[in-house]
Amino acid sequence: MNVVSLLVTAITSLGCGVAPAFAATFEVTACASHPLAAAGAFEQLNTSPATLETSTACRGTPIGEFDGIVAADRPGNLGTPSGRVAASTITAVRGTSIRAIRARRYLGKRDNEWHVWVRTGQGTILELCEVNASFSCTVGAEPTSQSSWTTYSGLATDSVSFGVSCRAAVGDCVSASSFRSAWAIVYSTVTTVEDPAPPTSVTLSGPLADGSHNWLSGDVAARLAAEDASGIRRIDLVSDGVTVGSVEGACDFGLMRPCPGRFEEDLLVDARRLGDGEHRLTARAVDAAGSATGSTATVVRVDTTPPEAPLELRALPGAGGSYRVSWRNPEQGGAAPIAAAHYQLCFVRSDDCVSGGVVPGAAITELPDLQPPPGRSPWDLLVWLQDGAGQADRSRAARITLLPPVSSPPTDPGPGGPRPSTPRPSDTRRSTPGLRITSAVRTRHAIVVRGTLKRRVVGRLVISLRRRPGSRAWVSRSVEARRGQFTVKFTNRRALRSHRAYVTVRFLATRSVTSQKVTRLVRRNIRG
């Protein structure tokens, strides 16, 4: 019966009367149905080990009369001095009390010089075995009989003992040579323990409790702690009245303090379970009797969702080929405010991107001086936002094409005025880079691309791998072309190992060199 029992109605015993109902109680089972708990629930006292015996022989189903928690005399001893005691006692921990015991017991003696009893820690006798007209007495029975059960109810004590003692007025208490003269045996007990006070010192600490100063996201640690006389069975983490996590104490309801008296444990909480916005968090501790106490509430702020895409993204050409980029931020509601903007410049209608960055700024709404790489236009600009909790998602980017500035037509100087000069052919002629892919081979662990261009050409190359020409790139690299040669090595990803691959090399145009693109099939290197 290892369960917490919050007794709201009376406990009905099996044919042995009715125990009263008490709030905030739990039950402790000893011996027969909880063999390992007997020593923990009961303590034994023996002031004359030579003549008295205390032992524990709990069994799941007791059969013999001494299959239990035993306090008795030793057969054939030379005599037990008066006042010596053998007893088995169950004791409540400090701060709790015993309110009832349902016991399966067997008390007996063959001589009135022996005293056999069940009594409380305050000395109140609950049951006696006294010899009257006959030569012996018994109370209860051996374990196979239902008459061995009884209930001691209406208690409010710190302990209950089952024991024997010698009370001879003169001399010693003599034991028979081949059988016991006095015995108090407990086969099993179910003790109702009252814990009137709820848990104390309930605290919530750790990074989660510090979230009032920072925005929380992802997995966050919380430290839950509490104390109680009967022990802490569980501590819940409660957000706005809803339990979002729990830590369990190691409880054994075969012990008078079933659960840890002081319990402290870390709990890792996924902030997504709380939801975005502000929340009131408390730790709620539950003791072995089912009483609960909450900690002081703390307010935390949670943000687990990246901002939506910027609204009304615009890019106005400026001086020197720069652009002034602006937008309107989406509403954040209860989430963290906008704290930074990410951007990337990519080939038009492509995911081949060559540059980008992050610009911090509270509620940022513009990039006042964006300078694209020289030598190629138009570009596509991607902008996405990051909030104060560090949440950002490139898939929520807004995209716009940066068109080059429109040149104003020349004005007519009028008759006799100066005429615009006609550029010489050398002013407008641009050379080709002479781009070639000399090899593109696949080994077990990499794809290596080598190539050449004209020795005096300086510029930027973008090397991309695709499943077929014109398809979306798996991966791209940007390198500077110098001294007429280039080599790029790609780690051989799993996707590249099992598919045909093409490599595309682009030379980005400069003022003096035109752009050029070449494509080649990647071949397998047999030696690799």
Protein backbone atom coordinates (compact mmCIF):
# COMPACT_ATOMS: atom_id res chain seq x y z
CA MET A 1 0.00 0.00 0.00
CA ASN A 2 2.80 2.41 -0.94
CA VAL A 3 0.58 5.37 -1.85
CA VAL A 4 -0.10 8.73 -0.27
CA SER A 5 -3.53 8.72 1.34
CA LEU A 6 -5.15 12.09 1.98
CA LEU A 7 -7.91 10.84 4.25
CA VAL A 8 -10.98 12.97 3.79
CA THR A 9 -13.42 10.25 4.93
CA ALA A 10 -13.09 7.63 7.64
CA ILE A 11 -10.81 4.64 7.08
CA THR A 12 -12.80 1.43 7.27
CA SER A 13 -10.87 -1.48 8.76
CA LEU A 14 -11.48 -5.06 7.71
CA GLY A 15 -13.94 -6.06 10.40
CA CYS A 16 -11.91 -4.36 13.15
CA GLY A 17 -13.73 -1.09 13.71
CA VAL A 18 -13.37 2.33 12.10
CA ALA A 19 -10.39 4.69 12.30
CA PRO A 20 -11.14 8.43 12.41
CA ALA A 21 -10.47 10.70 9.46
CA PHE A 22 -7.68 13.27 9.60
CA ALA A 23 -6.60 15.88 7.09
CA ALA A 24 -3.05 15.80 5.74
CA THR A 25 -2.20 12.18 6.53
CA PHE A 26 -0.33 9.37 4.85
CA GLU A 27 0.05 5.65 5.50
CA VAL A 28 3.22 3.68 6.27
CA THR A 29 3.18 -0.08 5.73
CA ALA A 30 5.57 -2.37 7.61
CA CYS A 31 6.55 -6.00 7.42
CA ALA A 32 4.27 -8.47 5.59
CA SER A 33 3.51 -6.51 2.41
CA HIS A 34 6.67 -4.43 2.63
CA PRO A 35 9.43 -6.79 3.86
CA LEU A 36 12.36 -4.44 3.38
CA ALA A 37 10.71 -1.61 5.31
CA ALA A 38 10.33 -3.39 8.65
CA ALA A 39 13.72 -2.37 10.00
CA GLY A 40 13.18 1.19 8.76
CA ALA A 41 9.71 1.64 10.29
CA PHE A 42 10.38 -0.22 13.55
CA GLU A 43 13.23 0.09 16.03
CA GLN A 44 13.87 -2.63 18.59
CA LEU A 45 15.05 -2.36 22.21
CA ASN A 46 16.51 -5.23 24.27
CA THR A 47 17.88 -4.52 27.76
CA SER A 48 18.74 -8.19 28.49
CA PRO A 49 20.05 -9.88 25.32
CA ALA A 50 21.06 -13.01 27.27
CA THR A 51 17.48 -13.75 28.35
CA LEU A 52 15.29 -11.72 25.95
CA GLU A 53 15.07 -11.79 22.15
CA THR A 54 14.27 -9.18 19.48
CA SER A 55 14.28 -10.18 15.83
CA THR A 56 12.77 -9.41 12.44
CA ALA A 57 11.61 -12.16 10.11
CA CYS A 58 9.11 -10.48 7.79
CA ARG A 59 7.57 -12.59 5.04
CA GLY A 60 5.23 -11.70 2.24
CA THR A 61 2.77 -14.25 3.63
CA PRO A 62 3.53 -15.07 7.29
CA ILE A 63 2.83 -18.69 8.26
CA GLY A 64 4.58 -19.48 11.55
CA GLU A 65 3.82 -17.64 14.77
CA PHE A 66 7.31 -16.04 14.86
CA ASP A 67 7.32 -14.87 11.17
CA GLY A 68 7.26 -11.19 12.05
CA ILE A 69 8.74 -8.48 14.27
CA VAL A 70 9.37 -10.32 17.54
CA ALA A 71 9.94 -9.24 21.17
CA ALA A 72 9.96 -12.29 23.53
CA ASP A 73 11.85 -14.22 26.19
CA ARG A 74 14.45 -16.87 25.32
CA PRO A 75 13.37 -20.42 26.22
CA GLY A 76 15.47 -22.13 28.88
CA ASN A 77 17.25 -19.03 30.22
CA LEU A 78 18.20 -18.84 33.89
CA GLY A 79 15.87 -15.94 34.56
CA THR A 80 15.26 -12.37 33.40
CA PRO A 81 15.85 -9.66 36.04
CA SER A 82 12.87 -7.54 36.96
CA GLY A 83 12.47 -4.38 34.92
CA ARG A 84 14.25 -5.69 31.81
CA VAL A 85 12.43 -5.00 28.51
CA ALA A 86 12.25 -6.27 24.92
CA ALA A 87 10.15 -4.06 22.61
CA SER A 88 9.47 -3.14 18.98
CA THR A 89 8.61 0.54 18.52
CA ILE A 90 7.36 2.57 15.58
CA THR A 91 8.17 6.28 15.99
CA ALA A 92 6.94 9.33 14.11
CA VAL A 93 9.52 11.84 12.89
CA ARG A 94 9.56 15.25 14.48
CA GLY A 95 6.71 17.44 13.28
CA THR A 96 4.37 14.48 12.62
CA SER A 97 2.25 12.24 14.86
CA ILE A 98 0.68 8.77 14.79
CA ARG A 99 -3.12 8.95 14.58
CA ALA A 100 -4.02 5.28 14.06
CA ILE A 101 -2.43 1.84 13.61
CA ARG A 102 -4.03 -1.15 11.99
CA ALA A 103 -1.97 -4.09 13.24
CA ARG A 104 -1.82 -7.82 12.73
CA ARG A 105 -0.41 -9.00 16.08
CA TYR A 106 -0.13 -11.87 18.53
CA LEU A 107 0.44 -11.21 22.26
CA GLY A 108 0.72 -13.93 24.92
CA LYS A 109 2.25 -15.13 28.19
CA ARG A 110 2.17 -18.13 30.55
CA ASP A 111 2.94 -16.40 33.85
CA ASN A 112 1.74 -13.12 35.35
CA GLU A 113 5.28 -12.24 36.41
CA TRP A 114 5.66 -11.22 32.74
CA HIS A 115 4.10 -8.01 31.46
CA VAL A 116 2.95 -8.03 27.77
CA TRP A 117 1.62 -4.76 26.36
CA VAL A 118 0.96 -2.29 23.53
CA ARG A 119 1.37 1.33 24.64
CA THR A 120 2.02 4.85 23.35
CA GLY A 121 5.11 6.92 23.92
CA GLN A 122 3.20 8.83 26.59
CA GLY A 123 2.53 5.59 28.51
CA THR A 124 -1.10 5.08 27.51
CA ILE A 125 -1.88 1.33 27.40
CA LEU A 126 -3.59 0.33 24.17
CA GLU A 127 -3.72 -3.41 24.81
CA LEU A 128 -2.68 -5.91 27.56
CA CYS A 129 -2.47 -9.65 28.04
CA GLU A 130 -3.28 -10.62 31.63
CA VAL A 131 -3.64 -14.13 33.16
CA ASN A 132 -6.87 -14.50 35.09
CA ALA A 133 -8.38 -17.87 35.98
CA SER A 134 -6.40 -19.83 33.42
CA PHE A 135 -2.66 -20.45 33.42
CA SER A 136 -2.00 -18.33 30.30
CA CYS A 137 -3.46 -15.58 28.08
CA THR A 138 -3.32 -14.61 24.40
CA VAL A 139 -4.48 -11.52 22.52
CA GLY A 140 -4.84 -11.68 18.77
CA ALA A 141 -3.78 -14.87 17.04
CA GLU A 142 -1.25 -16.52 14.81
CA PRO A 143 -1.01 -14.92 11.32
CA THR A 144 -3.23 -17.44 9.57
CA SER A 145 -6.23 -16.24 11.61
CA GLN A 146 -8.19 -13.08 10.79
CA SER A 147 -8.56 -12.45 14.51
CA SER A 148 -4.93 -11.31 14.52
CA TRP A 149 -6.08 -7.93 13.12
CA THR A 150 -7.00 -4.93 15.28
CA THR A 151 -7.03 -1.13 14.96
CA TYR A 152 -5.75 1.33 17.57
CA SER A 153 -7.53 4.58 16.67
CA GLY A 154 -8.04 8.03 18.15
CA LEU A 155 -4.32 8.42 18.79
CA ALA A 156 -2.16 11.52 18.90
CA THR A 157 1.23 10.16 19.88
CA ASP A 158 4.83 10.19 18.77
CA SER A 159 5.31 6.39 19.10
CA VAL A 160 3.67 3.02 19.72
CA SER A 161 5.52 0.01 21.23
CA PHE A 162 4.78 -3.73 21.30
CA GLY A 163 6.77 -5.37 24.08
CA VAL A 164 7.37 -7.69 27.01
CA SER A 165 9.05 -7.00 30.36
CA CYS A 166 9.70 -8.74 33.64
CA ARG A 167 7.72 -7.40 36.62
CA ALA A 168 8.53 -10.04 39.21
CA ALA A 169 8.06 -8.70 42.73
CA VAL A 170 10.79 -10.99 44.00
CA GLY A 171 13.58 -12.61 42.00
CA ASP A 172 13.62 -13.08 38.25
CA CYS A 173 11.11 -14.03 35.60
CA VAL A 174 11.77 -17.67 34.75
CA SER A 175 11.39 -19.02 31.20
CA ALA A 176 10.28 -22.51 30.31
CA SER A 177 12.96 -24.86 28.99
CA SER A 178 11.38 -25.67 25.63
CA PHE A 179 8.91 -22.87 24.84
CA ARG A 180 8.52 -19.13 25.30
CA SER A 181 6.86 -17.69 28.37
CA ALA A 182 6.04 -14.19 26.98
CA TRP A 183 5.83 -12.76 23.48
CA ALA A 184 4.65 -9.70 21.51
CA ILE A 185 4.75 -10.34 17.75
CA VAL A 186 3.80 -7.91 14.94
CA TYR A 187 3.12 -9.52 11.57
CA SER A 188 2.31 -6.26 9.75
CA THR A 189 1.09 -2.73 10.40
CA VAL A 190 -0.49 0.10 8.47
CA THR A 191 0.21 3.31 10.39
CA THR A 192 -1.72 6.52 9.72
CA VAL A 193 0.66 9.46 10.20
CA GLU A 194 -0.50 13.06 10.40
CA ASP A 195 1.67 15.86 9.02
CA PRO A 196 -0.22 19.05 9.95
CA ALA A 197 2.21 21.53 8.38
CA PRO A 198 2.68 22.05 4.63
CA PRO A 199 6.18 22.26 3.10
CA THR A 200 8.41 25.18 4.02
CA SER A 201 11.30 27.05 2.37
CA VAL A 202 9.85 26.51 -1.12
CA THR A 203 12.08 28.38 -3.60
CA LEU A 204 12.49 28.82 -7.33
CA SER A 205 15.94 29.92 -8.49
CA GLY A 206 18.36 29.52 -11.39
CA PRO A 207 18.45 31.06 -14.89
CA LEU A 208 14.72 30.61 -15.40
CA ALA A 209 13.90 32.67 -12.32
CA ASP A 210 16.21 35.45 -13.58
CA GLY A 211 14.19 35.82 -16.77
CA SER A 212 12.56 39.08 -15.65
CA HIS A 213 15.73 40.87 -16.81
CA ASN A 214 16.33 38.95 -20.04
CA TRP A 215 14.23 37.39 -22.75
CA LEU A 216 14.28 33.60 -22.49
CA SER A 217 14.23 31.08 -25.33
CA GLY A 218 15.20 27.43 -25.83
CA ASP A 219 15.96 25.15 -22.86
CA VAL A 220 16.32 27.03 -19.56
CA ALA A 221 17.31 25.55 -16.17
CA ALA A 222 15.28 26.07 -12.98
CA ARG A 223 16.32 24.99 -9.47
CA LEU A 224 13.42 23.85 -7.25
CA ALA A 225 13.86 23.35 -3.50
CA ALA A 226 11.66 22.72 -0.41
CA GLU A 227 11.66 21.18 3.11
CA ASP A 228 9.05 19.20 5.08
CA ALA A 229 8.76 16.97 8.16
CA SER A 230 7.28 14.00 6.25
CA GLY A 231 9.42 14.74 3.18
CA ILE A 232 8.94 16.29 -0.23
CA ARG A 233 7.16 13.98 -2.64
CA ARG A 234 7.16 16.32 -5.65
CA ILE A 235 7.90 19.90 -6.69
CA ASP A 236 5.97 21.34 -9.63
CA LEU A 237 6.92 24.30 -11.79
CA VAL A 238 3.72 26.29 -12.36
CA SER A 239 3.27 28.95 -15.03
CA ASP A 240 0.14 31.11 -14.72
CA GLY A 241 -1.60 28.31 -12.80
CA VAL A 242 -0.62 25.50 -15.21
CA THR A 243 2.00 22.87 -14.31
CA VAL A 244 4.74 22.84 -16.96
CA GLY A 245 7.26 20.51 -15.29
CA SER A 246 7.87 18.41 -12.15
CA VAL A 247 10.70 16.76 -10.22
CA GLU A 248 9.94 13.69 -8.08
CA GLY A 249 11.49 12.83 -4.73
CA ALA A 250 12.59 9.25 -4.05
CA CYS A 251 9.83 8.10 -1.66
CA ASP A 252 9.42 4.83 0.26
CA PHE A 253 6.15 4.53 2.20
CA GLY A 254 7.64 1.78 4.33
CA LEU A 255 9.50 4.51 6.28
CA MET A 256 8.09 6.98 8.79
CA ARG A 257 9.61 9.80 6.72
CA PRO A 258 8.81 8.42 3.29
CA CYS A 259 10.36 11.20 1.20
CA PRO A 260 13.50 13.41 1.41
CA GLY A 261 13.15 15.97 4.20
CA ARG A 262 15.15 18.50 2.16
CA PHE A 263 14.72 18.15 -1.60
CA GLU A 264 16.53 20.24 -4.23
CA GLU A 265 16.63 19.42 -7.92
CA ASP A 266 17.29 21.07 -11.30
CA LEU A 267 14.60 21.03 -13.98
CA LEU A 268 15.31 21.80 -17.64
CA VAL A 269 12.33 23.60 -19.18
CA ASP A 270 11.64 24.16 -22.86
CA ALA A 271 10.60 27.82 -23.00
CA ARG A 272 8.22 26.98 -25.86
CA ARG A 273 5.97 25.26 -23.29
CA LEU A 274 5.46 28.61 -21.59
CA GLY A 275 4.58 30.54 -24.75
CA ASP A 276 5.79 33.99 -25.81
CA GLY A 277 5.19 36.94 -23.51
CA GLU A 278 5.26 37.54 -19.72
CA HIS A 279 4.48 34.74 -17.26
CA ARG A 280 4.19 34.35 -13.48
CA LEU A 281 6.21 31.33 -12.33
CA THR A 282 6.07 29.58 -8.95
CA ALA A 283 7.46 26.37 -7.45
CA ARG A 284 4.76 24.29 -5.73
CA ALA A 285 5.99 21.62 -3.29
CA VAL A 286 3.82 18.64 -2.26
CA ASP A 287 4.70 16.64 0.88
CA ALA A 288 4.10 12.96 1.66
CA ALA A 289 0.68 13.82 3.14
CA GLY A 290 -0.45 15.69 0.02
CA SER A 291 -0.20 19.22 1.46
CA ALA A 292 1.17 21.83 -0.94
CA THR A 293 2.89 25.20 -0.63
CA GLY A 294 3.92 27.62 -3.38
CA SER A 295 6.96 29.83 -3.60
CA THR A 296 7.00 33.56 -4.16
CA ALA A 297 6.03 34.27 -7.77
CA THR A 298 8.57 35.58 -10.25
CA VAL A 299 7.78 37.23 -13.58
CA VAL A 300 9.69 36.02 -16.66
CA ARG A 301 9.67 37.10 -20.30
CA VAL A 302 9.74 34.48 -23.04
CA ASP A 303 10.32 34.84 -26.78
CA THR A 304 10.76 31.74 -28.93
CA THR A 305 9.43 33.01 -32.28
CA PRO A 306 11.58 34.93 -34.80
CA PRO A 307 10.19 38.22 -36.15
CA GLU A 308 8.15 38.23 -39.34
CA ALA A 309 9.60 39.68 -42.56
CA PRO A 310 10.26 43.43 -42.79
CA LEU A 311 7.36 45.36 -44.35
CA GLU A 312 7.56 47.80 -47.27
CA LEU A 313 11.23 47.10 -48.03
CA ARG A 314 12.70 49.87 -50.23
CA ALA A 315 16.14 50.67 -51.65
CA LEU A 316 16.98 54.14 -53.02
CA PRO A 317 20.22 54.65 -55.01
CA GLY A 318 22.73 57.01 -53.44
CA ALA A 319 26.16 58.41 -54.20
CA GLY A 320 29.05 56.24 -55.29
CA GLY A 321 26.89 53.21 -56.08
CA SER A 322 25.49 52.94 -52.54
CA TYR A 323 21.86 52.44 -51.51
CA ARG A 324 19.68 53.67 -48.68
CA VAL A 325 17.58 50.70 -47.61
CA SER A 326 14.51 51.19 -45.36
CA TRP A 327 11.51 49.20 -44.16
CA ARG A 328 8.76 49.08 -41.53
CA ASN A 329 9.07 46.60 -38.66
CA PRO A 330 6.23 44.11 -38.03
CA GLU A 331 4.30 44.26 -34.77
CA GLN A 332 6.02 42.20 -32.05
CA GLY A 333 3.09 42.07 -29.61
CA GLY A 334 4.31 40.46 -26.37
CA ALA A 335 7.56 39.24 -27.92
CA ALA A 336 11.00 40.85 -27.63
CA PRO A 337 11.55 44.09 -29.59
CA ILE A 338 13.59 44.23 -32.80
CA ALA A 339 17.30 44.46 -31.95
CA ALA A 340 19.21 43.87 -35.23
CA ALA A 341 18.87 43.41 -39.00
CA HIS A 342 20.55 40.72 -41.14
CA TYR A 343 21.17 41.24 -44.85
CA GLN A 344 22.63 39.37 -47.82
CA LEU A 345 23.38 40.28 -51.44
CA CYS A 346 22.63 37.50 -53.94
CA PHE A 347 22.50 36.97 -57.66
CA VAL A 348 19.12 37.97 -59.07
CA ARG A 349 16.43 35.31 -58.44
CA SER A 350 19.06 33.00 -56.96
CA ASP A 351 20.27 31.66 -53.64
CA ASP A 352 23.90 32.24 -54.67
CA CYS A 353 24.89 34.92 -52.17
CA VAL A 354 28.30 36.59 -51.99
CA SER A 355 28.17 39.02 -49.06
CA GLY A 356 26.12 40.09 -46.07
CA GLY A 357 26.22 41.06 -42.42
CA VAL A 358 24.37 41.94 -39.22
CA VAL A 359 23.64 45.52 -38.18
CA PRO A 360 22.58 45.95 -34.50
CA GLY A 361 20.17 48.65 -33.44
CA ALA A 362 17.10 48.98 -31.23
CA ALA A 363 14.00 49.03 -33.46
CA ILE A 364 16.30 49.39 -36.51
CA THR A 365 14.43 50.32 -39.73
CA GLU A 366 17.16 51.19 -42.24
CA LEU A 367 20.60 50.49 -43.71
CA PRO A 368 21.62 54.03 -44.69
CA ASP A 369 24.75 53.22 -46.70
CA LEU A 370 24.63 49.76 -48.26
CA GLN A 371 27.49 49.27 -50.73
CA PRO A 372 27.13 46.25 -53.09
CA PRO A 373 30.28 44.54 -54.41
CA PRO A 374 31.68 46.31 -57.48
CA GLY A 375 31.44 45.06 -61.03
CA ARG A 376 27.99 43.47 -61.20
CA SER A 377 24.40 44.67 -61.21
CA PRO A 378 21.62 44.24 -60.52
CA TRP A 379 21.74 42.45 -57.15
CA ASP A 380 18.98 40.96 -55.02
CA LEU A 381 18.97 42.18 -51.41
CA LEU A 382 17.58 39.97 -48.61
CA VAL A 383 16.74 41.54 -45.21
CA TRP A 384 15.47 39.68 -42.14
CA LEU A 385 15.15 40.75 -38.51
CA GLN A 386 16.46 39.61 -35.12
CA ASP A 387 14.73 40.30 -31.80
CA GLY A 388 16.07 40.90 -28.31
CA ALA A 389 15.94 37.17 -27.48
CA GLY A 390 18.32 36.37 -30.36
CA GLN A 391 15.58 34.88 -32.56
CA ALA A 392 16.13 35.30 -36.32
CA ASP A 393 15.02 33.25 -39.33
CA ARG A 394 16.42 33.78 -42.85
CA SER A 395 13.37 32.08 -44.35
CA ARG A 396 11.38 35.13 -43.17
CA ALA A 397 13.50 37.55 -45.22
CA ALA A 398 12.06 40.26 -47.45
CA ARG A 399 13.68 40.47 -50.93
CA ILE A 400 14.19 43.33 -53.33
CA THR A 401 16.25 43.86 -56.50
CA LEU A 402 18.76 46.73 -56.37
CA LEU A 403 18.43 48.44 -59.75
CA PRO A 404 21.29 50.70 -60.89
CA PRO A 405 20.70 54.48 -60.83
CA VAL A 406 19.07 55.94 -63.94
CA SER A 407 21.46 58.42 -65.65
CA SER A 408 20.05 61.81 -66.61
CA PRO A 409 20.17 62.61 -70.40
CA PRO A 410 22.81 65.20 -71.37
CA THR A 411 21.53 68.77 -71.72
CA ASP A 412 21.88 70.68 -75.04
CA PRO A 413 24.51 73.43 -74.59
CA GLY A 414 22.93 75.49 -77.42
CA PRO A 415 24.51 76.95 -80.52
CA GLY A 416 28.19 77.66 -80.13
CA GLY A 417 28.37 75.90 -76.76
CA PRO A 418 30.84 73.13 -75.90
CA ARG A 419 30.00 69.69 -77.25
CA PRO A 420 30.37 66.55 -75.13
CA SER A 421 33.46 64.61 -75.94
CA THR A 422 33.14 61.24 -77.61
CA PRO A 423 35.03 58.57 -75.66
CA ARG A 424 37.80 56.92 -77.47
CA PRO A 425 37.50 53.21 -78.15
CA SER A 426 40.11 52.50 -75.50
CA ASP A 427 37.83 54.16 -72.90
CA THR A 428 34.95 51.69 -73.37
CA ARG A 429 36.68 48.50 -74.44
CA ARG A 430 36.71 45.78 -71.73
CA SER A 431 38.71 42.58 -71.95
CA THR A 432 37.45 39.05 -71.22
CA PRO A 433 38.86 37.18 -68.18
CA GLY A 434 39.74 34.08 -70.19
CA LEU A 435 38.10 31.85 -67.55
CA ARG A 436 38.64 28.07 -67.85
CA ILE A 437 37.93 25.08 -65.59
CA THR A 438 40.97 22.83 -65.95
CA SER A 439 39.66 20.03 -63.70
CA ALA A 440 36.67 19.15 -61.51
CA VAL A 441 37.08 15.78 -59.83
CA ARG A 442 35.31 13.90 -57.07
CA THR A 443 37.20 11.82 -54.50
CA ARG A 444 35.81 9.91 -51.55
CA HIS A 445 35.87 12.94 -49.23
CA ALA A 446 35.90 16.05 -51.43
CA ILE A 447 35.23 17.71 -54.77
CA VAL A 448 38.19 19.75 -56.00
CA VAL A 449 37.82 22.42 -58.69
CA ARG A 450 40.84 23.99 -60.42
CA GLY A 451 40.96 26.60 -63.15
CA THR A 452 42.81 29.46 -64.81
CA LEU A 453 42.20 32.95 -66.17
CA LYS A 454 44.34 35.64 -67.70
CA ARG A 455 47.34 36.29 -65.53
CA ARG A 456 46.79 40.04 -65.06
CA VAL A 457 43.06 39.72 -64.32
CA VAL A 458 41.99 40.57 -60.74
CA GLY A 459 38.44 40.03 -59.57
CA ARG A 460 36.02 37.79 -57.67
CA LEU A 461 34.94 34.29 -58.59
CA VAL A 462 31.81 32.46 -57.37
CA ILE A 463 32.08 28.65 -57.63
CA SER A 464 28.81 26.66 -57.26
CA LEU A 465 27.87 22.96 -57.31
CA ARG A 466 24.56 21.91 -58.89
CA ARG A 467 22.76 18.71 -59.74
CA ARG A 468 22.29 19.96 -63.30
CA PRO A 469 23.13 23.19 -65.17
CA GLY A 470 20.75 26.01 -64.22
CA SER A 471 19.32 24.27 -61.13
CA ARG A 472 19.55 25.58 -57.58
CA ALA A 473 23.04 25.41 -56.13
CA TRP A 474 23.87 22.91 -53.40
CA VAL A 475 26.74 25.02 -52.15
CA SER A 476 28.70 28.08 -53.30
CA ARG A 477 32.07 29.62 -52.50
CA SER A 478 33.40 33.09 -53.27
CA VAL A 479 37.16 33.54 -53.82
CA GLU A 480 39.49 36.24 -55.07
CA ALA A 481 41.12 35.52 -58.43
CA ARG A 482 44.82 36.47 -58.54
CA ARG A 483 47.84 35.52 -60.61
CA GLY A 484 45.87 33.53 -63.15
CA GLN A 485 44.90 30.42 -61.10
CA PHE A 486 42.32 29.27 -58.58
CA THR A 487 41.57 26.09 -56.57
CA VAL A 488 38.46 25.43 -54.46
CA LYS A 489 37.79 22.32 -52.34
CA PHE A 490 34.27 21.28 -51.26
CA THR A 491 33.67 18.73 -48.54
CA ASN A 492 31.94 15.80 -50.19
CA ARG A 493 28.51 15.99 -48.59
CA ARG A 494 26.24 12.97 -48.56
CA ALA A 495 23.99 14.59 -51.17
CA LEU A 496 26.95 15.06 -53.49
CA ARG A 497 28.18 11.49 -53.14
CA SER A 498 25.14 9.86 -54.70
CA HIS A 499 24.21 12.34 -57.47
CA ARG A 500 25.74 13.64 -60.63
CA ALA A 501 27.19 17.10 -60.07
CA TYR A 502 28.09 20.10 -62.22
CA VAL A 503 30.39 22.93 -61.24
CA THR A 504 29.70 26.50 -62.38
CA VAL A 505 32.34 29.23 -62.12
CA ARG A 506 31.30 32.88 -62.51
CA PHE A 507 33.70 35.80 -62.86
CA LEU A 508 32.03 38.99 -61.59
CA ALA A 509 32.54 41.87 -64.00
CA THR A 510 34.78 44.80 -63.11
CA ARG A 511 35.29 48.16 -64.81
CA SER A 512 37.87 46.70 -67.18
CA VAL A 513 36.89 43.01 -67.44
CA THR A 514 33.57 41.51 -68.55
CA SER A 515 31.75 38.82 -66.63
CA GLN A 516 32.03 35.18 -67.73
CA LYS A 517 30.47 31.88 -66.66
CA VAL A 518 31.67 28.36 -67.44
CA THR A 519 30.13 25.00 -66.43
CA ARG A 520 31.64 21.54 -66.33
CA LEU A 521 30.60 18.04 -65.23
CA VAL A 522 32.37 16.78 -62.11
CA ARG A 523 34.16 13.52 -62.85
CA ARG A 524 35.18 10.78 -60.50
CA ASN A 525 38.86 10.43 -59.74
CA ILE A 526 39.51 6.68 -59.97
CA ARG A 527 42.65 6.97 -57.88
CA GLY A 528 40.75 8.83 -55.11
